[in-house]
Amino acid sequence: MISRTMLYLDAEQLELLKERARAERVPVTELVRRLIRQYLGQPIRGSASADSWARLVGLGASGQSEVSDQHDRALGDALSREHLR
């Protein structure tokens, strides 16, 4: 369950949070939740590990000739296989 709360920040703090949230492509609220989980020593759910990103880079070496024409489907299939493990 998510509860609504009010948080007061100064203008500089809010702008820095917005910049970081844009860089991480998440809403400010998600960034704040992650920071709180990190502060409390709880695992951060839904974040990709460095290992996940490293495996993504290797997806281009499939040996399939039609990947450049159907890259969206090939990438979706590869990610689905990875998450079904």
PDB file of N, CA and C in Angstrom:
ATOM      1  N   MET A   1       0.839  -1.175   0.000  1.00  0.00           N
ATOM      2  CA  MET A   1       0.000   0.000   0.000  1.00  0.00           C
ATOM      3  C   MET A   1       0.888   1.244   0.000  1.00  0.00           C
ATOM      4  N   ILE A   2       0.566   2.196  -0.806  1.00  0.00           N
ATOM      5  CA  ILE A   2       1.304   3.455  -0.860  1.00  0.00           C
ATOM      6  C   ILE A   2       0.451   4.519  -0.189  1.00  0.00           C
ATOM      7  N   SER A   3       1.075   5.260   0.698  1.00  0.00           N
ATOM      8  CA  SER A   3       0.397   6.351   1.398  1.00  0.00           C
ATOM      9  C   SER A   3       0.912   7.679   0.878  1.00  0.00           C
ATOM     10  N   ARG A   4       0.039   8.630   0.832  1.00  0.00           N
ATOM     11  CA  ARG A   4       0.413   9.969   0.394  1.00  0.00           C
ATOM     12  C   ARG A   4       1.003  10.724   1.573  1.00  0.00           C
ATOM     13  N   THR A   5       2.070  11.460   1.312  1.00  0.00           N
ATOM     14  CA  THR A   5       2.681  12.303   2.334  1.00  0.00           C
ATOM     15  C   THR A   5       3.154  13.581   1.668  1.00  0.00           C
ATOM     16  N   MET A   6       3.393  14.592   2.468  1.00  0.00           N
ATOM     17  CA  MET A   6       3.861  15.864   1.936  1.00  0.00           C
ATOM     18  C   MET A   6       5.307  16.055   2.364  1.00  0.00           C
ATOM     19  N   LEU A   7       6.128  16.521   1.449  1.00  0.00           N
ATOM     20  CA  LEU A   7       7.545  16.711   1.700  1.00  0.00           C
ATOM     21  C   LEU A   7       7.910  18.122   1.273  1.00  0.00           C
ATOM     22  N   TYR A   8       8.524  18.871   2.154  1.00  0.00           N
ATOM     23  CA  TYR A   8       8.943  20.229   1.834  1.00  0.00           C
ATOM     24  C   TYR A   8      10.432  20.233   1.505  1.00  0.00           C
ATOM     25  N   LEU A   9      10.763  20.753   0.335  1.00  0.00           N
ATOM     26  CA  LEU A   9      12.147  20.848  -0.117  1.00  0.00           C
ATOM     27  C   LEU A   9      12.424  22.280  -0.536  1.00  0.00           C
ATOM     28  N   ASP A  10      13.675  22.696  -0.437  1.00  0.00           N
ATOM     29  CA  ASP A  10      13.978  24.017  -0.974  1.00  0.00           C
ATOM     30  C   ASP A  10      14.104  23.888  -2.497  1.00  0.00           C
ATOM     31  N   ALA A  11      14.108  25.005  -3.175  1.00  0.00           N
ATOM     32  CA  ALA A  11      14.092  25.013  -4.644  1.00  0.00           C
ATOM     33  C   ALA A  11      15.292  24.274  -5.231  1.00  0.00           C
ATOM     34  N   GLU A  12      16.461  24.437  -4.634  1.00  0.00           N
ATOM     35  CA  GLU A  12      17.662  23.779  -5.154  1.00  0.00           C
ATOM     36  C   GLU A  12      17.567  22.263  -5.011  1.00  0.00           C
ATOM     37  N   GLN A  13      17.089  21.788  -3.871  1.00  0.00           N
ATOM     38  CA  GLN A  13      16.936  20.347  -3.659  1.00  0.00           C
ATOM     39  C   GLN A  13      15.970  19.759  -4.681  1.00  0.00           C
ATOM     40  N   LEU A  14      14.849  20.435  -4.866  1.00  0.00           N
ATOM     41  CA  LEU A  14      13.849  19.925  -5.810  1.00  0.00           C
ATOM     42  C   LEU A  14      14.400  19.885  -7.227  1.00  0.00           C
ATOM     43  N   GLU A  15      15.110  20.930  -7.631  1.00  0.00           N
ATOM     44  CA  GLU A  15      15.672  20.952  -8.988  1.00  0.00           C
ATOM     45  C   GLU A  15      16.696  19.840  -9.178  1.00  0.00           C
ATOM     46  N   LEU A  16      17.544  19.610  -8.165  1.00  0.00           N
ATOM     47  CA  LEU A  16      18.529  18.538  -8.259  1.00  0.00           C
ATOM     48  C   LEU A  16      17.851  17.171  -8.321  1.00  0.00           C
ATOM     49  N   LEU A  17      16.785  16.980  -7.545  1.00  0.00           N
ATOM     50  CA  LEU A  17      16.035  15.717  -7.610  1.00  0.00           C
ATOM     51  C   LEU A  17      15.411  15.525  -8.988  1.00  0.00           C
ATOM     52  N   LYS A  18      14.854  16.593  -9.549  1.00  0.00           N
ATOM     53  CA  LYS A  18      14.251  16.499 -10.885  1.00  0.00           C
ATOM     54  C   LYS A  18      15.294  16.144 -11.936  1.00  0.00           C
ATOM     55  N   GLU A  19      16.472  16.748 -11.829  1.00  0.00           N
ATOM     56  CA  GLU A  19      17.542  16.443 -12.781  1.00  0.00           C
ATOM     57  C   GLU A  19      17.946  14.978 -12.680  1.00  0.00           C
ATOM     58  N   ARG A  20      18.120  14.484 -11.457  1.00  0.00           N
ATOM     59  CA  ARG A  20      18.511  13.086 -11.261  1.00  0.00           C
ATOM     60  C   ARG A  20      17.412  12.163 -11.764  1.00  0.00           C
ATOM     61  N   ALA A  21      16.161  12.497 -11.482  1.00  0.00           N
ATOM     62  CA  ALA A  21      15.036  11.667 -11.924  1.00  0.00           C
ATOM     63  C   ALA A  21      14.993  11.608 -13.455  1.00  0.00           C
ATOM     64  N   ARG A  22      15.217  12.734 -14.109  1.00  0.00           N
ATOM     65  CA  ARG A  22      15.255  12.738 -15.586  1.00  0.00           C
ATOM     66  C   ARG A  22      16.391  11.863 -16.085  1.00  0.00           C
ATOM     67  N   ALA A  23      17.552  11.961 -15.457  1.00  0.00           N
ATOM     68  CA  ALA A  23      18.717  11.168 -15.874  1.00  0.00           C
ATOM     69  C   ALA A  23      18.440   9.673 -15.710  1.00  0.00           C
ATOM     70  N   GLU A  24      17.714   9.306 -14.666  1.00  0.00           N
ATOM     71  CA  GLU A  24      17.408   7.896 -14.416  1.00  0.00           C
ATOM     72  C   GLU A  24      16.096   7.462 -15.060  1.00  0.00           C
ATOM     73  N   ARG A  25      15.411   8.422 -15.683  1.00  0.00           N
ATOM     74  CA  ARG A  25      14.144   8.164 -16.380  1.00  0.00           C
ATOM     75  C   ARG A  25      13.094   7.545 -15.461  1.00  0.00           C
ATOM     76  N   VAL A  26      12.971   8.142 -14.281  1.00  0.00           N
ATOM     77  CA  VAL A  26      11.953   7.731 -13.320  1.00  0.00           C
ATOM     78  C   VAL A  26      11.291   8.989 -12.773  1.00  0.00           C
ATOM     79  N   PRO A  27      10.067   8.875 -12.268  1.00  0.00           N
ATOM     80  CA  PRO A  27       9.433  10.034 -11.622  1.00  0.00           C
ATOM     81  C   PRO A  27      10.176  10.409 -10.336  1.00  0.00           C
ATOM     82  N   VAL A  28      10.060  11.660  -9.946  1.00  0.00           N
ATOM     83  CA  VAL A  28      10.694  12.120  -8.711  1.00  0.00           C
ATOM     84  C   VAL A  28      10.217  11.278  -7.533  1.00  0.00           C
ATOM     85  N   THR A  29       8.942  10.929  -7.497  1.00  0.00           N
ATOM     86  CA  THR A  29       8.423  10.135  -6.379  1.00  0.00           C
ATOM     87  C   THR A  29       9.122   8.783  -6.281  1.00  0.00           C
ATOM     88  N   GLU A  30       9.392   8.140  -7.417  1.00  0.00           N
ATOM     89  CA  GLU A  30      10.092   6.858  -7.397  1.00  0.00           C
ATOM     90  C   GLU A  30      11.526   7.043  -6.910  1.00  0.00           C
ATOM     91  N   LEU A  31      12.170   8.119  -7.344  1.00  0.00           N
ATOM     92  CA  LEU A  31      13.527   8.389  -6.899  1.00  0.00           C
ATOM     93  C   LEU A  31      13.555   8.582  -5.379  1.00  0.00           C
ATOM     94  N   VAL A  32      12.597   9.327  -4.839  1.00  0.00           N
ATOM     95  CA  VAL A  32      12.533   9.541  -3.389  1.00  0.00           C
ATOM     96  C   VAL A  32      12.305   8.213  -2.673  1.00  0.00           C
ATOM     97  N   ARG A  33      11.404   7.367  -3.198  1.00  0.00           N
ATOM     98  CA  ARG A  33      11.174   6.052  -2.575  1.00  0.00           C
ATOM     99  C   ARG A  33      12.459   5.223  -2.579  1.00  0.00           C
ATOM    100  N   ARG A  34      13.200   5.251  -3.682  1.00  0.00           N
ATOM    101  CA  ARG A  34      14.460   4.501  -3.757  1.00  0.00           C
ATOM    102  C   ARG A  34      15.473   5.021  -2.737  1.00  0.00           C
ATOM    103  N   LEU A  35      15.563   6.351  -2.637  1.00  0.00           N
ATOM    104  CA  LEU A  35      16.500   6.937  -1.686  1.00  0.00           C
ATOM    105  C   LEU A  35      16.141   6.563  -0.252  1.00  0.00           C
ATOM    106  N   ILE A  36      14.856   6.542   0.056  1.00  0.00           N
ATOM    107  CA  ILE A  36      14.418   6.148   1.394  1.00  0.00           C
ATOM    108  C   ILE A  36      14.728   4.679   1.648  1.00  0.00           C
ATOM    109  N   ARG A  37      14.438   3.810   0.670  1.00  0.00           N
ATOM    110  CA  ARG A  37      14.771   2.387   0.822  1.00  0.00           C
ATOM    111  C   ARG A  37      16.270   2.199   1.044  1.00  0.00           C
ATOM    112  N   GLN A  38      17.079   2.929   0.275  1.00  0.00           N
ATOM    113  CA  GLN A  38      18.534   2.837   0.420  1.00  0.00           C
ATOM    114  C   GLN A  38      18.946   3.296   1.819  1.00  0.00           C
ATOM    115  N   TYR A  39      18.412   4.401   2.291  1.00  0.00           N
ATOM    116  CA  TYR A  39      18.733   4.926   3.612  1.00  0.00           C
ATOM    117  C   TYR A  39      18.357   3.928   4.700  1.00  0.00           C
ATOM    118  N   LEU A  40      17.229   3.251   4.531  1.00  0.00           N
ATOM    119  CA  LEU A  40      16.762   2.282   5.520  1.00  0.00           C
ATOM    120  C   LEU A  40      17.411   0.912   5.360  1.00  0.00           C
ATOM    121  N   GLY A  41      18.261   0.758   4.331  1.00  0.00           N
ATOM    122  CA  GLY A  41      18.949  -0.513   4.121  1.00  0.00           C
ATOM    123  C   GLY A  41      18.064  -1.574   3.504  1.00  0.00           C
ATOM    124  N   GLN A  42      17.017  -1.164   2.812  1.00  0.00           N
ATOM    125  CA  GLN A  42      16.109  -2.106   2.161  1.00  0.00           C
ATOM    126  C   GLN A  42      16.499  -2.253   0.696  1.00  0.00           C
ATOM    127  N   PRO A  43      16.199  -3.418   0.105  1.00  0.00           N
ATOM    128  CA  PRO A  43      16.529  -3.601  -1.319  1.00  0.00           C
ATOM    129  C   PRO A  43      15.714  -2.659  -2.198  1.00  0.00           C
ATOM    130  N   ILE A  44      16.331  -2.213  -3.262  1.00  0.00           N
ATOM    131  CA  ILE A  44      15.645  -1.343  -4.216  1.00  0.00           C
ATOM    132  C   ILE A  44      15.023  -2.217  -5.277  1.00  0.00           C
ATOM    133  N   ARG A  45      13.697  -2.245  -5.297  1.00  0.00           N
ATOM    134  CA  ARG A  45      12.971  -3.087  -6.248  1.00  0.00           C
ATOM    135  C   ARG A  45      12.944  -2.456  -7.623  1.00  0.00           C
ATOM    136  N   GLY A  46      13.011  -3.305  -8.647  1.00  0.00           N
ATOM    137  CA  GLY A  46      12.825  -2.835 -10.010  1.00  0.00           C
ATOM    138  C   GLY A  46      14.009  -2.118 -10.630  1.00  0.00           C
ATOM    139  N   SER A  47      15.130  -2.066  -9.942  1.00  0.00           N
ATOM    140  CA  SER A  47      16.276  -1.404 -10.554  1.00  0.00           C
ATOM    141  C   SER A  47      17.139  -2.442 -11.262  1.00  0.00           C
ATOM    142  N   ALA A  48      17.638  -2.074 -12.400  1.00  0.00           N
ATOM    143  CA  ALA A  48      18.473  -2.991 -13.174  1.00  0.00           C
ATOM    144  C   ALA A  48      19.886  -2.970 -12.617  1.00  0.00           C
ATOM    145  N   SER A  49      20.464  -4.136 -12.480  1.00  0.00           N
ATOM    146  CA  SER A  49      21.838  -4.223 -11.996  1.00  0.00           C
ATOM    147  C   SER A  49      22.802  -3.952 -13.145  1.00  0.00           C
ATOM    148  N   ALA A  50      24.049  -3.685 -12.804  1.00  0.00           N
ATOM    149  CA  ALA A  50      25.075  -3.477 -13.835  1.00  0.00           C
ATOM    150  C   ALA A  50      25.213  -4.728 -14.684  1.00  0.00           C
ATOM    151  N   ASP A  51      25.048  -5.905 -14.061  1.00  0.00           N
ATOM    152  CA  ASP A  51      25.135  -7.164 -14.788  1.00  0.00           C
ATOM    153  C   ASP A  51      24.020  -7.270 -15.829  1.00  0.00           C
ATOM    154  N   SER A  52      22.824  -6.797 -15.494  1.00  0.00           N
ATOM    155  CA  SER A  52      21.707  -6.810 -16.445  1.00  0.00           C
ATOM    156  C   SER A  52      22.040  -5.979 -17.675  1.00  0.00           C
ATOM    157  N   TRP A  53      22.616  -4.808 -17.452  1.00  0.00           N
ATOM    158  CA  TRP A  53      22.968  -3.947 -18.576  1.00  0.00           C
ATOM    159  C   TRP A  53      24.090  -4.566 -19.401  1.00  0.00           C
ATOM    160  N   ALA A  54      25.035  -5.216 -18.756  1.00  0.00           N
ATOM    161  CA  ALA A  54      26.125  -5.858 -19.483  1.00  0.00           C
ATOM    162  C   ALA A  54      25.586  -6.960 -20.394  1.00  0.00           C
ATOM    163  N   ARG A  55      24.605  -7.719 -19.920  1.00  0.00           N
ATOM    164  CA  ARG A  55      24.003  -8.777 -20.753  1.00  0.00           C
ATOM    165  C   ARG A  55      23.246  -8.166 -21.932  1.00  0.00           C
ATOM    166  N   LEU A  56      22.670  -7.002 -21.751  1.00  0.00           N
ATOM    167  CA  LEU A  56      21.930  -6.332 -22.818  1.00  0.00           C
ATOM    168  C   LEU A  56      22.865  -5.974 -23.980  1.00  0.00           C
ATOM    169  N   VAL A  57      24.072  -5.553 -23.666  1.00  0.00           N
ATOM    170  CA  VAL A  57      25.039  -5.179 -24.699  1.00  0.00           C
ATOM    171  C   VAL A  57      25.344  -6.354 -25.612  1.00  0.00           C
ATOM    172  N   GLY A  58      25.411  -7.558 -25.079  1.00  0.00           N
ATOM    173  CA  GLY A  58      25.737  -8.733 -25.862  1.00  0.00           C
ATOM    174  C   GLY A  58      24.611  -9.239 -26.738  1.00  0.00           C
ATOM    175  N   LEU A  59      23.444  -8.626 -26.670  1.00  0.00           N
ATOM    176  CA  LEU A  59      22.320  -9.100 -27.465  1.00  0.00           C
ATOM    177  C   LEU A  59      22.549  -8.946 -28.966  1.00  0.00           C
ATOM    178  N   GLY A  60      23.421  -8.048 -29.366  1.00  0.00           N
ATOM    179  CA  GLY A  60      23.661  -7.825 -30.789  1.00  0.00           C
ATOM    180  C   GLY A  60      24.384  -8.964 -31.475  1.00  0.00           C
ATOM    181  N   ALA A  61      25.000  -9.853 -30.734  1.00  0.00           N
ATOM    182  CA  ALA A  61      25.761 -10.961 -31.311  1.00  0.00           C
ATOM    183  C   ALA A  61      24.905 -12.212 -31.379  1.00  0.00           C
ATOM    184  N   SER A  62      23.768 -12.128 -32.051  1.00  0.00           N
ATOM    185  CA  SER A  62      22.825 -13.249 -32.086  1.00  0.00           C
ATOM    186  C   SER A  62      23.141 -14.258 -33.179  1.00  0.00           C
ATOM    187  N   GLY A  63      23.861 -13.831 -34.210  1.00  0.00           N
ATOM    188  CA  GLY A  63      24.120 -14.717 -35.328  1.00  0.00           C
ATOM    189  C   GLY A  63      22.950 -14.790 -36.296  1.00  0.00           C
ATOM    190  N   GLN A  64      21.908 -14.018 -36.060  1.00  0.00           N
ATOM    191  CA  GLN A  64      20.740 -13.992 -36.942  1.00  0.00           C
ATOM    192  C   GLN A  64      20.881 -12.833 -37.918  1.00  0.00           C
ATOM    193  N   SER A  65      20.610 -13.075 -39.182  1.00  0.00           N
ATOM    194  CA  SER A  65      20.827 -12.049 -40.198  1.00  0.00           C
ATOM    195  C   SER A  65      19.700 -11.027 -40.276  1.00  0.00           C
ATOM    196  N   GLU A  66      18.493 -11.357 -39.821  1.00  0.00           N
ATOM    197  CA  GLU A  66      17.362 -10.437 -39.975  1.00  0.00           C
ATOM    198  C   GLU A  66      17.158  -9.520 -38.772  1.00  0.00           C
ATOM    199  N   VAL A  67      18.056  -9.543 -37.808  1.00  0.00           N
ATOM    200  CA  VAL A  67      17.865  -8.759 -36.590  1.00  0.00           C
ATOM    201  C   VAL A  67      17.781  -7.271 -36.880  1.00  0.00           C
ATOM    202  N   SER A  68      18.566  -6.764 -37.817  1.00  0.00           N
ATOM    203  CA  SER A  68      18.520  -5.329 -38.094  1.00  0.00           C
ATOM    204  C   SER A  68      17.162  -4.910 -38.656  1.00  0.00           C
ATOM    205  N   ASP A  69      16.485  -5.806 -39.351  1.00  0.00           N
ATOM    206  CA  ASP A  69      15.161  -5.493 -39.893  1.00  0.00           C
ATOM    207  C   ASP A  69      14.067  -5.674 -38.850  1.00  0.00           C
ATOM    208  N   GLN A  70      14.266  -6.605 -37.930  1.00  0.00           N
ATOM    209  CA  GLN A  70      13.235  -6.909 -36.934  1.00  0.00           C
ATOM    210  C   GLN A  70      13.799  -6.759 -35.527  1.00  0.00           C
ATOM    211  N   HIS A  71      14.556  -5.682 -35.292  1.00  0.00           N
ATOM    212  CA  HIS A  71      15.262  -5.524 -34.022  1.00  0.00           C
ATOM    213  C   HIS A  71      14.328  -5.411 -32.821  1.00  0.00           C
ATOM    214  N   ASP A  72      13.161  -4.773 -32.978  1.00  0.00           N
ATOM    215  CA  ASP A  72      12.245  -4.642 -31.843  1.00  0.00           C
ATOM    216  C   ASP A  72      11.771  -6.008 -31.364  1.00  0.00           C
ATOM    217  N   ARG A  73      11.391  -6.861 -32.306  1.00  0.00           N
ATOM    218  CA  ARG A  73      10.922  -8.201 -31.939  1.00  0.00           C
ATOM    219  C   ARG A  73      12.051  -9.032 -31.338  1.00  0.00           C
ATOM    220  N   ALA A  74      13.251  -8.954 -31.941  1.00  0.00           N
ATOM    221  CA  ALA A  74      14.384  -9.728 -31.431  1.00  0.00           C
ATOM    222  C   ALA A  74      14.755  -9.288 -30.019  1.00  0.00           C
ATOM    223  N   LEU A  75      14.761  -7.993 -29.774  1.00  0.00           N
ATOM    224  CA  LEU A  75      15.088  -7.492 -28.448  1.00  0.00           C
ATOM    225  C   LEU A  75      14.013  -7.899 -27.444  1.00  0.00           C
ATOM    226  N   GLY A  76      12.748  -7.769 -27.825  1.00  0.00           N
ATOM    227  CA  GLY A  76      11.652  -8.190 -26.951  1.00  0.00           C
ATOM    228  C   GLY A  76      11.720  -9.667 -26.623  1.00  0.00           C
ATOM    229  N   ASP A  77      12.000 -10.504 -27.618  1.00  0.00           N
ATOM    230  CA  ASP A  77      12.130 -11.954 -27.388  1.00  0.00           C
ATOM    231  C   ASP A  77      13.274 -12.261 -26.433  1.00  0.00           C
ATOM    232  N   ALA A  78      14.410 -11.603 -26.642  1.00  0.00           N
ATOM    233  CA  ALA A  78      15.574 -11.848 -25.786  1.00  0.00           C
ATOM    234  C   ALA A  78      15.302 -11.422 -24.350  1.00  0.00           C
ATOM    235  N   LEU A  79      14.672 -10.271 -24.178  1.00  0.00           N
ATOM    236  CA  LEU A  79      14.358  -9.811 -22.826  1.00  0.00           C
ATOM    237  C   LEU A  79      13.326 -10.709 -22.162  1.00  0.00           C
ATOM    238  N   SER A  80      12.363 -11.192 -22.924  1.00  0.00           N
ATOM    239  CA  SER A  80      11.357 -12.125 -22.370  1.00  0.00           C
ATOM    240  C   SER A  80      12.023 -13.400 -21.902  1.00  0.00           C
ATOM    241  N   ARG A  81      12.924 -13.939 -22.728  1.00  0.00           N
ATOM    242  CA  ARG A  81      13.642 -15.164 -22.322  1.00  0.00           C
ATOM    243  C   ARG A  81      14.431 -14.935 -21.041  1.00  0.00           C
ATOM    244  N   GLU A  82      15.071 -13.769 -20.940  1.00  0.00           N
ATOM    245  CA  GLU A  82      15.894 -13.453 -19.780  1.00  0.00           C
ATOM    246  C   GLU A  82      15.040 -13.400 -18.515  1.00  0.00           C
ATOM    247  N   HIS A  83      13.852 -12.848 -18.615  1.00  0.00           N
ATOM    248  CA  HIS A  83      13.001 -12.687 -17.432  1.00  0.00           C
ATOM    249  C   HIS A  83      12.217 -13.944 -17.090  1.00  0.00           C
ATOM    250  N   LEU A  84      12.175 -14.911 -17.982  1.00  0.00           N
ATOM    251  CA  LEU A  84      11.458 -16.154 -17.708  1.00  0.00           C
ATOM    252  C   LEU A  84      12.349 -17.192 -17.035  1.00  0.00           C
ATOM    253  N   ARG A  85      13.616 -16.886 -16.875  1.00  0.00           N
ATOM    254  CA  ARG A  85      14.553 -17.836 -16.238  1.00  0.00           C
ATOM    255  C   ARG A  85      14.174 -18.084 -14.807  1.00  0.00           C
TER     256      ARG A  85
END
